[in-house]
Amino acid sequence: MRIYLIGMMGSGKSTLGKELAKALNYTFIDMDHYIEEKCCKFIDEIFRDYGEAWFRAFETNTLKEFKKMDNVVIATGGGVIKNKKHKEIMDGKCIYLSVPLDVLEARLEGDETRPLLKTKTVKEILEERIPLYEYFADIKVENVNMESAIKEIMEALKWRY
């Protein structure tokens, strides 16, 4: 099974994803890091050098590569939901990690590495994306407390924890 974690930047996809993969005895993949390794550039450099459209196309191809893998937890990039065609490609369980705005703002305060935060506020990005996250989600879990969130995910997946 492939488990895709979706949610805003700062929602804990990577942090929770590592722990969830451990609990399931799955492999963990951070999609942004995977892309960075393939491109030999950081995400902000990719955006700067090639633009968002190029990055999104590369993101689509990366999702297609993941279809060949099994028993993986994939922490997607926060904007993977911007292309509705990705829903068909992401054939597994899609888990939306929902986090209240104030918690996201606190987690992202001072983060200079996120290209989209240079042009929009966390609130603007969140409001634009919530309907898309909900459209993609098979399971929605609030991730304010990681242990509780993992337990809820495991129960939803029918795994013992």
C-alpha atoms as a PDB file:
ATOM      1  CA  MET A   1       0.000   0.000   0.000  1.00  0.00           C
ATOM      2  CA  ARG A   2       1.066   3.555  -0.681  1.00  0.00           C
ATOM      3  CA  ILE A   3       0.132   6.162   1.899  1.00  0.00           C
ATOM      4  CA  TYR A   4       0.281   9.772   0.770  1.00  0.00           C
ATOM      5  CA  LEU A   5       0.372  12.492   3.402  1.00  0.00           C
ATOM      6  CA  ILE A   6      -1.033  15.779   2.181  1.00  0.00           C
ATOM      7  CA  GLY A   7      -1.396  19.085   3.958  1.00  0.00           C
ATOM      8  CA  MET A   8       0.020  22.542   4.268  1.00  0.00           C
ATOM      9  CA  MET A   9       3.690  23.263   4.696  1.00  0.00           C
ATOM     10  CA  GLY A  10       4.283  22.963   8.423  1.00  0.00           C
ATOM     11  CA  SER A  11       1.489  20.418   8.909  1.00  0.00           C
ATOM     12  CA  GLY A  12       3.998  17.768   9.961  1.00  0.00           C
ATOM     13  CA  LYS A  13       3.951  15.534   6.900  1.00  0.00           C
ATOM     14  CA  SER A  14       7.669  14.720   7.140  1.00  0.00           C
ATOM     15  CA  THR A  15       7.885  14.465  10.922  1.00  0.00           C
ATOM     16  CA  LEU A  16       4.723  12.396  11.326  1.00  0.00           C
ATOM     17  CA  GLY A  17       5.470  10.453   8.139  1.00  0.00           C
ATOM     18  CA  LYS A  18       8.752   9.113   9.514  1.00  0.00           C
ATOM     19  CA  GLU A  19       7.037   7.882  12.675  1.00  0.00           C
ATOM     20  CA  LEU A  20       4.066   6.437  10.795  1.00  0.00           C
ATOM     21  CA  ALA A  21       6.395   4.552   8.439  1.00  0.00           C
ATOM     22  CA  LYS A  22       8.253   3.140  11.458  1.00  0.00           C
ATOM     23  CA  ALA A  23       4.996   2.032  13.076  1.00  0.00           C
ATOM     24  CA  LEU A  24       3.869   0.313   9.852  1.00  0.00           C
ATOM     25  CA  ASN A  25       7.336  -1.026   9.011  1.00  0.00           C
ATOM     26  CA  TYR A  26       7.118   0.868   5.705  1.00  0.00           C
ATOM     27  CA  THR A  27       9.700   2.938   3.848  1.00  0.00           C
ATOM     28  CA  PHE A  28       9.435   6.701   4.276  1.00  0.00           C
ATOM     29  CA  ILE A  29       9.884   9.094   1.348  1.00  0.00           C
ATOM     30  CA  ASP A  30       9.903  12.871   1.628  1.00  0.00           C
ATOM     31  CA  MET A  31       8.816  13.911  -1.861  1.00  0.00           C
ATOM     32  CA  ASP A  32      10.479  17.342  -1.738  1.00  0.00           C
ATOM     33  CA  HIS A  33      13.799  15.793  -0.667  1.00  0.00           C
ATOM     34  CA  TYR A  34      13.411  13.144  -3.370  1.00  0.00           C
ATOM     35  CA  ILE A  35      12.948  15.880  -5.988  1.00  0.00           C
ATOM     36  CA  GLU A  36      15.853  17.893  -4.578  1.00  0.00           C
ATOM     37  CA  GLU A  37      18.145  14.875  -4.888  1.00  0.00           C
ATOM     38  CA  LYS A  38      17.001  14.178  -8.459  1.00  0.00           C
ATOM     39  CA  CYS A  39      17.499  17.823  -9.482  1.00  0.00           C
ATOM     40  CA  CYS A  40      20.616  18.462  -7.356  1.00  0.00           C
ATOM     41  CA  LYS A  41      18.955  21.685  -6.183  1.00  0.00           C
ATOM     42  CA  PHE A  42      16.866  22.804  -3.234  1.00  0.00           C
ATOM     43  CA  ILE A  43      13.155  23.456  -3.860  1.00  0.00           C
ATOM     44  CA  ASP A  44      13.569  27.239  -3.562  1.00  0.00           C
ATOM     45  CA  GLU A  45      16.380  27.078  -6.150  1.00  0.00           C
ATOM     46  CA  ILE A  46      14.204  25.003  -8.493  1.00  0.00           C
ATOM     47  CA  PHE A  47      11.408  27.582  -8.203  1.00  0.00           C
ATOM     48  CA  ARG A  48      13.891  30.421  -8.774  1.00  0.00           C
ATOM     49  CA  ASP A  49      15.741  28.809 -11.693  1.00  0.00           C
ATOM     50  CA  TYR A  50      12.908  27.008 -13.517  1.00  0.00           C
ATOM     51  CA  GLY A  51       9.648  28.392 -12.122  1.00  0.00           C
ATOM     52  CA  GLU A  52       6.676  26.818 -10.413  1.00  0.00           C
ATOM     53  CA  ALA A  53       5.185  25.323 -13.613  1.00  0.00           C
ATOM     54  CA  TRP A  54       8.373  23.332 -14.293  1.00  0.00           C
ATOM     55  CA  PHE A  55       8.467  22.164 -10.672  1.00  0.00           C
ATOM     56  CA  ARG A  56       4.810  21.033 -10.819  1.00  0.00           C
ATOM     57  CA  ALA A  57       5.485  19.016 -14.003  1.00  0.00           C
ATOM     58  CA  PHE A  58       8.449  17.339 -12.323  1.00  0.00           C
ATOM     59  CA  GLU A  59       6.235  16.673  -9.297  1.00  0.00           C
ATOM     60  CA  THR A  60       3.732  14.855 -11.556  1.00  0.00           C
ATOM     61  CA  ASN A  61       6.468  12.642 -13.001  1.00  0.00           C
ATOM     62  CA  THR A  62       7.727  11.893  -9.510  1.00  0.00           C
ATOM     63  CA  LEU A  63       4.246  10.763  -8.420  1.00  0.00           C
ATOM     64  CA  LYS A  64       4.198   8.400 -11.399  1.00  0.00           C
ATOM     65  CA  GLU A  65       7.515   6.903 -10.216  1.00  0.00           C
ATOM     66  CA  PHE A  66       5.991   6.266  -6.785  1.00  0.00           C
ATOM     67  CA  LYS A  67       3.274   4.082  -8.371  1.00  0.00           C
ATOM     68  CA  LYS A  68       5.975   1.416  -8.839  1.00  0.00           C
ATOM     69  CA  MET A  69       6.645   1.316  -5.086  1.00  0.00           C
ATOM     70  CA  ASP A  70       4.787  -0.492  -2.334  1.00  0.00           C
ATOM     71  CA  ASN A  71       4.703  -0.268   1.456  1.00  0.00           C
ATOM     72  CA  VAL A  72       5.705   3.384   1.482  1.00  0.00           C
ATOM     73  CA  VAL A  73       4.624   6.481   3.359  1.00  0.00           C
ATOM     74  CA  ILE A  74       5.102   9.509   1.128  1.00  0.00           C
ATOM     75  CA  ALA A  75       5.169  13.023   2.559  1.00  0.00           C
ATOM     76  CA  THR A  76       4.069  15.028  -0.471  1.00  0.00           C
ATOM     77  CA  GLY A  77       4.843  18.648  -1.123  1.00  0.00           C
ATOM     78  CA  GLY A  78       2.160  20.994   0.179  1.00  0.00           C
ATOM     79  CA  GLY A  79       1.055  21.987  -3.323  1.00  0.00           C
ATOM     80  CA  VAL A  80       0.708  18.516  -4.834  1.00  0.00           C
ATOM     81  CA  ILE A  81      -3.061  19.004  -4.660  1.00  0.00           C
ATOM     82  CA  LYS A  82      -2.929  21.968  -7.056  1.00  0.00           C
ATOM     83  CA  ASN A  83      -3.219  19.530  -9.976  1.00  0.00           C
ATOM     84  CA  LYS A  84      -6.483  17.584  -9.677  1.00  0.00           C
ATOM     85  CA  LYS A  85      -5.082  14.911 -12.044  1.00  0.00           C
ATOM     86  CA  HIS A  86      -2.744  13.913  -9.234  1.00  0.00           C
ATOM     87  CA  LYS A  87      -5.703  12.365  -7.417  1.00  0.00           C
ATOM     88  CA  GLU A  88      -5.796   9.580 -10.043  1.00  0.00           C
ATOM     89  CA  ILE A  89      -2.023   9.078  -9.894  1.00  0.00           C
ATOM     90  CA  MET A  90      -1.968   8.872  -6.085  1.00  0.00           C
ATOM     91  CA  ASP A  91      -3.474   5.399  -5.919  1.00  0.00           C
ATOM     92  CA  GLY A  92      -3.264   4.490  -2.270  1.00  0.00           C
ATOM     93  CA  LYS A  93      -4.565   6.081   0.897  1.00  0.00           C
ATOM     94  CA  CYS A  94      -4.425   9.859   0.920  1.00  0.00           C
ATOM     95  CA  ILE A  95      -4.304  11.303   4.429  1.00  0.00           C
ATOM     96  CA  TYR A  96      -4.883  15.011   4.961  1.00  0.00           C
ATOM     97  CA  LEU A  97      -3.006  16.373   7.970  1.00  0.00           C
ATOM     98  CA  SER A  98      -5.101  19.309   9.022  1.00  0.00           C
ATOM     99  CA  VAL A  99      -3.589  21.911  11.359  1.00  0.00           C
ATOM    100  CA  PRO A 100      -5.211  25.100  12.707  1.00  0.00           C
ATOM    101  CA  LEU A 101      -3.965  28.348  11.163  1.00  0.00           C
ATOM    102  CA  ASP A 102      -2.406  29.685  14.383  1.00  0.00           C
ATOM    103  CA  VAL A 103      -0.375  26.486  14.814  1.00  0.00           C
ATOM    104  CA  LEU A 104       0.801  26.604  11.182  1.00  0.00           C
ATOM    105  CA  GLU A 105       1.808  30.255  11.533  1.00  0.00           C
ATOM    106  CA  ALA A 106       3.797  29.478  14.683  1.00  0.00           C
ATOM    107  CA  ARG A 107       5.519  26.493  13.045  1.00  0.00           C
ATOM    108  CA  LEU A 108       6.432  28.500   9.927  1.00  0.00           C
ATOM    109  CA  GLU A 109       7.437  31.752  11.588  1.00  0.00           C
ATOM    110  CA  GLY A 110      10.806  32.896  10.283  1.00  0.00           C
ATOM    111  CA  ASP A 111      11.071  30.086   7.705  1.00  0.00           C
ATOM    112  CA  GLU A 112      12.919  31.601   4.745  1.00  0.00           C
ATOM    113  CA  THR A 113      13.103  28.378   2.707  1.00  0.00           C
ATOM    114  CA  ARG A 114       9.504  28.243   1.498  1.00  0.00           C
ATOM    115  CA  PRO A 115       9.212  29.995  -1.887  1.00  0.00           C
ATOM    116  CA  LEU A 116       5.462  30.597  -1.688  1.00  0.00           C
ATOM    117  CA  LEU A 117       5.746  32.412   1.653  1.00  0.00           C
ATOM    118  CA  LYS A 118       7.648  35.147  -0.162  1.00  0.00           C
ATOM    119  CA  THR A 119       4.498  36.135  -2.071  1.00  0.00           C
ATOM    120  CA  LYS A 120       1.551  35.010   0.092  1.00  0.00           C
ATOM    121  CA  THR A 121       0.645  34.616   3.748  1.00  0.00           C
ATOM    122  CA  VAL A 122       0.071  31.236   5.372  1.00  0.00           C
ATOM    123  CA  LYS A 123      -3.609  32.170   5.718  1.00  0.00           C
ATOM    124  CA  GLU A 124      -3.967  32.988   1.997  1.00  0.00           C
ATOM    125  CA  ILE A 125      -2.334  29.708   0.951  1.00  0.00           C
ATOM    126  CA  LEU A 126      -4.376  27.679   3.441  1.00  0.00           C
ATOM    127  CA  GLU A 127      -7.709  29.224   2.404  1.00  0.00           C
ATOM    128  CA  GLU A 128      -6.917  28.527  -1.255  1.00  0.00           C
ATOM    129  CA  ARG A 129      -5.926  24.914  -0.583  1.00  0.00           C
ATOM    130  CA  ILE A 130      -8.390  23.602   2.035  1.00  0.00           C
ATOM    131  CA  PRO A 131     -11.023  22.590  -0.562  1.00  0.00           C
ATOM    132  CA  LEU A 132      -8.332  20.783  -2.561  1.00  0.00           C
ATOM    133  CA  TYR A 133      -6.954  18.932   0.464  1.00  0.00           C
ATOM    134  CA  GLU A 134     -10.485  17.818   1.327  1.00  0.00           C
ATOM    135  CA  TYR A 135     -11.121  16.743  -2.289  1.00  0.00           C
ATOM    136  CA  PHE A 136      -7.993  14.539  -2.278  1.00  0.00           C
ATOM    137  CA  ALA A 137      -8.368  13.107   1.234  1.00  0.00           C
ATOM    138  CA  ASP A 138      -9.490   9.586   1.997  1.00  0.00           C
ATOM    139  CA  ILE A 139      -8.825  10.299   5.673  1.00  0.00           C
ATOM    140  CA  LYS A 140      -8.598  13.658   7.472  1.00  0.00           C
ATOM    141  CA  VAL A 141      -6.655  13.866  10.736  1.00  0.00           C
ATOM    142  CA  GLU A 142      -5.833  16.903  12.838  1.00  0.00           C
ATOM    143  CA  ASN A 143      -2.107  16.939  13.566  1.00  0.00           C
ATOM    144  CA  VAL A 144      -1.570  19.052  16.643  1.00  0.00           C
ATOM    145  CA  ASN A 145      -0.400  16.085  18.724  1.00  0.00           C
ATOM    146  CA  MET A 146       1.619  13.618  16.636  1.00  0.00           C
ATOM    147  CA  GLU A 147       1.014  10.581  18.835  1.00  0.00           C
ATOM    148  CA  SER A 148      -2.756  11.082  18.727  1.00  0.00           C
ATOM    149  CA  ALA A 149      -2.671  11.701  14.994  1.00  0.00           C
ATOM    150  CA  ILE A 150      -0.692   8.496  14.348  1.00  0.00           C
ATOM    151  CA  LYS A 151      -3.070   6.511  16.528  1.00  0.00           C
ATOM    152  CA  GLU A 152      -6.047   7.927  14.624  1.00  0.00           C
ATOM    153  CA  ILE A 153      -4.412   7.091  11.270  1.00  0.00           C
ATOM    154  CA  MET A 154      -3.605   3.541  12.372  1.00  0.00           C
ATOM    155  CA  GLU A 155      -7.189   3.033  13.498  1.00  0.00           C
ATOM    156  CA  ALA A 156      -8.505   4.415  10.211  1.00  0.00           C
ATOM    157  CA  LEU A 157      -6.208   2.041   8.321  1.00  0.00           C
ATOM    158  CA  LYS A 158      -7.300  -0.836  10.589  1.00  0.00           C
ATOM    159  CA  TRP A 159      -3.741  -1.413  11.885  1.00  0.00           C
ATOM    160  CA  ARG A 160      -2.932  -2.213  15.486  1.00  0.00           C
ATOM    161  CA  TYR A 161      -0.868   0.411  17.274  1.00  0.00           C
END
